[in-house]
Amino acid sequence: MLKRFVKRLLSCLLLAALFVASIRDKQQLVRALPLLLCTLMTPAWFIVLRTHSIQHGWFTWRALGLTIFAGAAFLYYCCDIRAAGRRILHRGK
C-alpha cells in the first residue's frame, strides 16, 4: 500500500516538475488560467454534487468533454515541450 502511494507521489512530482519546466512565460500562464478553471470545474461539480451526478449519469458524462478540451487547450497555450527539453539539457552543462 505504501509502495503504491510512493510511486504515485513520485509520478505526480515528476509531472509537476515537467509542467513547471515547460511553461512558456508568466504572461501565457496567466492568459491560460481561465481554461484551467474550466478544466477543474467539472471534477469539482461531480465531487460536490455526487448524488445528483449519479442520478443523471446519462447526461453528466458529456461535461467531461469540456474538461478534456479545456485541459488540452490550457496545456497548448501555456506550455512548450521543446523549451522544456532545452531548459533541462542546458541545466546539466
N, C-alpha and C. Protein backbone atom coordinates (compact mmCIF):
# COMPACT_ATOMS: atom_id res chain seq x y z
N MET A 1 0.82 -1.19 0.00
CA MET A 1 0.00 0.00 0.00
C MET A 1 0.86 1.26 0.00
N LEU A 2 1.85 1.29 0.88
CA LEU A 2 2.73 2.45 0.97
C LEU A 2 3.59 2.58 -0.28
N LYS A 3 4.00 1.45 -0.83
CA LYS A 3 4.82 1.45 -2.04
C LYS A 3 4.06 2.06 -3.22
N ARG A 4 2.80 1.71 -3.34
CA ARG A 4 1.96 2.25 -4.41
C ARG A 4 1.77 3.77 -4.24
N PHE A 5 1.59 4.20 -2.99
CA PHE A 5 1.45 5.63 -2.70
C PHE A 5 2.71 6.39 -3.08
N VAL A 6 3.86 5.84 -2.75
CA VAL A 6 5.13 6.49 -3.06
C VAL A 6 5.31 6.60 -4.57
N LYS A 7 4.97 5.55 -5.30
CA LYS A 7 5.07 5.60 -6.77
C LYS A 7 4.16 6.68 -7.35
N ARG A 8 2.95 6.76 -6.85
CA ARG A 8 2.02 7.79 -7.35
C ARG A 8 2.50 9.19 -6.99
N LEU A 9 3.01 9.35 -5.79
CA LEU A 9 3.53 10.65 -5.37
C LEU A 9 4.71 11.08 -6.23
N LEU A 10 5.62 10.16 -6.49
CA LEU A 10 6.77 10.48 -7.35
C LEU A 10 6.34 10.79 -8.77
N SER A 11 5.35 10.09 -9.27
CA SER A 11 4.82 10.36 -10.61
C SER A 11 4.21 11.75 -10.68
N CYS A 12 3.44 12.12 -9.66
CA CYS A 12 2.84 13.45 -9.63
C CYS A 12 3.90 14.54 -9.53
N LEU A 13 4.92 14.31 -8.73
CA LEU A 13 6.01 15.29 -8.61
C LEU A 13 6.77 15.44 -9.92
N LEU A 14 7.00 14.34 -10.61
CA LEU A 14 7.68 14.39 -11.90
C LEU A 14 6.85 15.15 -12.93
N LEU A 15 5.55 14.89 -12.98
CA LEU A 15 4.68 15.61 -13.91
C LEU A 15 4.62 17.10 -13.56
N ALA A 16 4.57 17.43 -12.28
CA ALA A 16 4.55 18.83 -11.87
C ALA A 16 5.86 19.53 -12.27
N ALA A 17 6.99 18.85 -12.09
CA ALA A 17 8.28 19.43 -12.47
C ALA A 17 8.36 19.63 -13.99
N LEU A 18 7.85 18.68 -14.73
CA LEU A 18 7.84 18.81 -16.19
C LEU A 18 6.94 19.97 -16.62
N PHE A 19 5.81 20.13 -15.95
CA PHE A 19 4.92 21.25 -16.26
C PHE A 19 5.60 22.58 -15.99
N VAL A 20 6.24 22.70 -14.83
CA VAL A 20 6.92 23.95 -14.48
C VAL A 20 8.05 24.24 -15.46
N ALA A 21 8.76 23.22 -15.89
CA ALA A 21 9.87 23.42 -16.83
C ALA A 21 9.36 23.80 -18.22
N SER A 22 8.14 23.44 -18.55
CA SER A 22 7.64 23.68 -19.91
C SER A 22 6.80 24.94 -20.05
N ILE A 23 6.61 25.70 -18.99
CA ILE A 23 5.81 26.93 -19.08
C ILE A 23 6.52 27.93 -19.98
N ARG A 24 5.79 28.48 -20.93
CA ARG A 24 6.37 29.44 -21.88
C ARG A 24 6.85 30.68 -21.15
N ASP A 25 5.95 31.41 -20.54
CA ASP A 25 6.29 32.55 -19.70
C ASP A 25 5.09 32.86 -18.81
N LYS A 26 5.30 33.76 -17.86
CA LYS A 26 4.26 34.05 -16.88
C LYS A 26 3.01 34.63 -17.54
N GLN A 27 3.19 35.46 -18.54
CA GLN A 27 2.05 36.08 -19.21
C GLN A 27 1.17 35.03 -19.89
N GLN A 28 1.77 34.06 -20.55
CA GLN A 28 0.99 32.99 -21.20
C GLN A 28 0.25 32.16 -20.16
N LEU A 29 0.89 31.93 -19.03
CA LEU A 29 0.25 31.16 -17.97
C LEU A 29 -0.97 31.90 -17.43
N VAL A 30 -0.83 33.19 -17.20
CA VAL A 30 -1.95 33.99 -16.69
C VAL A 30 -3.09 34.02 -17.71
N ARG A 31 -2.76 34.13 -18.99
CA ARG A 31 -3.80 34.14 -20.02
C ARG A 31 -4.53 32.80 -20.12
N ALA A 32 -3.87 31.72 -19.76
CA ALA A 32 -4.48 30.39 -19.87
C ALA A 32 -5.21 29.96 -18.60
N LEU A 33 -5.14 30.73 -17.53
CA LEU A 33 -5.78 30.34 -16.28
C LEU A 33 -7.30 30.15 -16.39
N PRO A 34 -8.03 30.92 -17.18
CA PRO A 34 -9.47 30.62 -17.31
C PRO A 34 -9.73 29.22 -17.87
N LEU A 35 -8.85 28.76 -18.73
CA LEU A 35 -9.01 27.38 -19.24
C LEU A 35 -8.78 26.36 -18.13
N LEU A 36 -7.83 26.66 -17.24
CA LEU A 36 -7.60 25.77 -16.10
C LEU A 36 -8.83 25.74 -15.20
N LEU A 37 -9.46 26.87 -15.02
CA LEU A 37 -10.69 26.92 -14.22
C LEU A 37 -11.77 26.05 -14.84
N CYS A 38 -11.93 26.13 -16.15
CA CYS A 38 -12.91 25.27 -16.84
C CYS A 38 -12.54 23.80 -16.71
N THR A 39 -11.25 23.51 -16.72
CA THR A 39 -10.79 22.13 -16.59
C THR A 39 -11.14 21.56 -15.21
N LEU A 40 -10.99 22.36 -14.18
CA LEU A 40 -11.22 21.89 -12.82
C LEU A 40 -12.68 21.97 -12.39
N MET A 41 -13.49 22.69 -13.16
CA MET A 41 -14.89 22.90 -12.78
C MET A 41 -15.70 21.59 -12.82
N THR A 42 -15.52 20.79 -13.84
CA THR A 42 -16.32 19.57 -13.96
C THR A 42 -16.01 18.55 -12.86
N PRO A 43 -14.74 18.24 -12.57
CA PRO A 43 -14.50 17.32 -11.44
C PRO A 43 -15.01 17.88 -10.12
N ALA A 44 -14.89 19.19 -9.92
CA ALA A 44 -15.41 19.78 -8.68
C ALA A 44 -16.93 19.63 -8.62
N TRP A 45 -17.59 19.81 -9.74
CA TRP A 45 -19.05 19.65 -9.79
C TRP A 45 -19.43 18.21 -9.44
N PHE A 46 -18.70 17.24 -9.98
CA PHE A 46 -19.00 15.84 -9.69
C PHE A 46 -18.75 15.49 -8.23
N ILE A 47 -17.74 16.10 -7.63
CA ILE A 47 -17.44 15.82 -6.22
C ILE A 47 -18.48 16.46 -5.30
N VAL A 48 -18.80 17.71 -5.56
CA VAL A 48 -19.74 18.43 -4.69
C VAL A 48 -21.16 17.89 -4.83
N LEU A 49 -21.58 17.63 -6.05
CA LEU A 49 -22.95 17.16 -6.30
C LEU A 49 -22.93 15.69 -6.75
N ARG A 50 -22.27 14.87 -5.98
CA ARG A 50 -22.08 13.47 -6.35
C ARG A 50 -23.40 12.73 -6.58
N THR A 51 -24.32 12.85 -5.66
CA THR A 51 -25.58 12.13 -5.78
C THR A 51 -26.37 12.61 -6.99
N HIS A 52 -26.38 13.91 -7.19
CA HIS A 52 -27.10 14.47 -8.34
C HIS A 52 -26.47 14.00 -9.65
N SER A 53 -25.15 13.93 -9.69
CA SER A 53 -24.46 13.48 -10.90
C SER A 53 -24.72 12.00 -11.18
N ILE A 54 -24.85 11.22 -10.13
CA ILE A 54 -25.14 9.79 -10.30
C ILE A 54 -26.56 9.60 -10.83
N GLN A 55 -27.51 10.39 -10.33
CA GLN A 55 -28.89 10.28 -10.78
C GLN A 55 -29.05 10.64 -12.25
N HIS A 56 -28.22 11.54 -12.72
CA HIS A 56 -28.31 11.99 -14.11
C HIS A 56 -27.06 11.59 -14.89
N GLY A 57 -26.58 10.40 -14.67
CA GLY A 57 -25.36 9.93 -15.32
C GLY A 57 -25.44 9.90 -16.83
N TRP A 58 -26.63 9.70 -17.36
CA TRP A 58 -26.82 9.67 -18.81
C TRP A 58 -26.55 11.02 -19.44
N PHE A 59 -26.56 12.09 -18.62
CA PHE A 59 -26.35 13.43 -19.15
C PHE A 59 -25.03 14.03 -18.69
N THR A 60 -24.63 13.76 -17.46
CA THR A 60 -23.47 14.45 -16.89
C THR A 60 -22.15 13.99 -17.48
N TRP A 61 -22.09 12.83 -18.09
CA TRP A 61 -20.82 12.38 -18.66
C TRP A 61 -20.38 13.29 -19.80
N ARG A 62 -21.31 14.00 -20.40
CA ARG A 62 -20.97 14.90 -21.51
C ARG A 62 -20.10 16.07 -21.04
N ALA A 63 -20.19 16.43 -19.79
CA ALA A 63 -19.38 17.53 -19.26
C ALA A 63 -17.89 17.18 -19.27
N LEU A 64 -17.57 15.91 -19.31
CA LEU A 64 -16.16 15.53 -19.35
C LEU A 64 -15.49 15.95 -20.65
N GLY A 65 -16.27 16.14 -21.70
CA GLY A 65 -15.72 16.66 -22.94
C GLY A 65 -15.14 18.05 -22.74
N LEU A 66 -15.84 18.87 -21.96
CA LEU A 66 -15.34 20.20 -21.62
C LEU A 66 -14.02 20.10 -20.87
N THR A 67 -13.93 19.17 -19.94
CA THR A 67 -12.71 19.00 -19.16
C THR A 67 -11.53 18.62 -20.05
N ILE A 68 -11.74 17.68 -20.93
CA ILE A 68 -10.66 17.24 -21.80
C ILE A 68 -10.24 18.34 -22.76
N PHE A 69 -11.20 19.01 -23.38
CA PHE A 69 -10.88 20.07 -24.33
C PHE A 69 -10.19 21.25 -23.65
N ALA A 70 -10.73 21.70 -22.51
CA ALA A 70 -10.14 22.84 -21.81
C ALA A 70 -8.75 22.49 -21.27
N GLY A 71 -8.57 21.27 -20.80
CA GLY A 71 -7.24 20.86 -20.31
C GLY A 71 -6.21 20.82 -21.42
N ALA A 72 -6.60 20.30 -22.57
CA ALA A 72 -5.68 20.26 -23.72
C ALA A 72 -5.36 21.67 -24.21
N ALA A 73 -6.37 22.54 -24.24
CA ALA A 73 -6.13 23.92 -24.67
C ALA A 73 -5.24 24.65 -23.67
N PHE A 74 -5.44 24.41 -22.38
CA PHE A 74 -4.58 25.02 -21.36
C PHE A 74 -3.13 24.62 -21.56
N LEU A 75 -2.90 23.34 -21.74
CA LEU A 75 -1.52 22.87 -21.95
C LEU A 75 -0.93 23.42 -23.25
N TYR A 76 -1.74 23.53 -24.28
CA TYR A 76 -1.26 24.04 -25.56
C TYR A 76 -0.85 25.51 -25.45
N TYR A 77 -1.66 26.32 -24.76
CA TYR A 77 -1.39 27.75 -24.70
C TYR A 77 -0.29 28.13 -23.72
N CYS A 78 -0.10 27.37 -22.66
CA CYS A 78 0.89 27.83 -21.67
C CYS A 78 2.17 26.99 -21.65
N CYS A 79 2.21 25.88 -22.35
CA CYS A 79 3.39 25.01 -22.29
C CYS A 79 4.07 24.88 -23.65
N ASP A 80 5.38 24.75 -23.60
CA ASP A 80 6.18 24.49 -24.79
C ASP A 80 7.15 23.36 -24.44
N ILE A 81 6.86 22.17 -24.91
CA ILE A 81 7.65 21.00 -24.52
C ILE A 81 9.07 21.06 -25.07
N ARG A 82 9.24 21.72 -26.21
CA ARG A 82 10.59 21.87 -26.76
C ARG A 82 11.44 22.76 -25.87
N ALA A 83 10.84 23.83 -25.36
CA ALA A 83 11.57 24.72 -24.45
C ALA A 83 11.93 23.97 -23.17
N ALA A 84 11.05 23.11 -22.71
CA ALA A 84 11.35 22.32 -21.52
C ALA A 84 12.55 21.43 -21.75
N GLY A 85 12.62 20.79 -22.92
CA GLY A 85 13.77 19.94 -23.24
C GLY A 85 15.05 20.74 -23.28
N ARG A 86 15.00 21.93 -23.87
CA ARG A 86 16.19 22.79 -23.92
C ARG A 86 16.61 23.22 -22.52
N ARG A 87 15.65 23.60 -21.68
CA ARG A 87 15.98 24.02 -20.31
C ARG A 87 16.61 22.89 -19.53
N ILE A 88 16.06 21.71 -19.67
CA ILE A 88 16.60 20.56 -18.91
C ILE A 88 18.00 20.20 -19.40
N LEU A 89 18.22 20.24 -20.71
CA LEU A 89 19.54 19.91 -21.24
C LEU A 89 20.58 20.96 -20.89
N HIS A 90 20.22 22.22 -20.85
CA HIS A 90 21.19 23.27 -20.54
C HIS A 90 21.51 23.34 -19.06
N ARG A 91 20.64 22.88 -18.20
CA ARG A 91 20.94 22.86 -16.77
C ARG A 91 22.03 21.85 -16.44
N GLY A 92 22.12 20.82 -17.23
CA GLY A 92 23.12 19.79 -16.97
C GLY A 92 24.53 20.22 -17.33
N LYS A 93 24.67 21.30 -18.10
CA LYS A 93 26.01 21.73 -18.53
C LYS A 93 26.62 22.72 -17.58
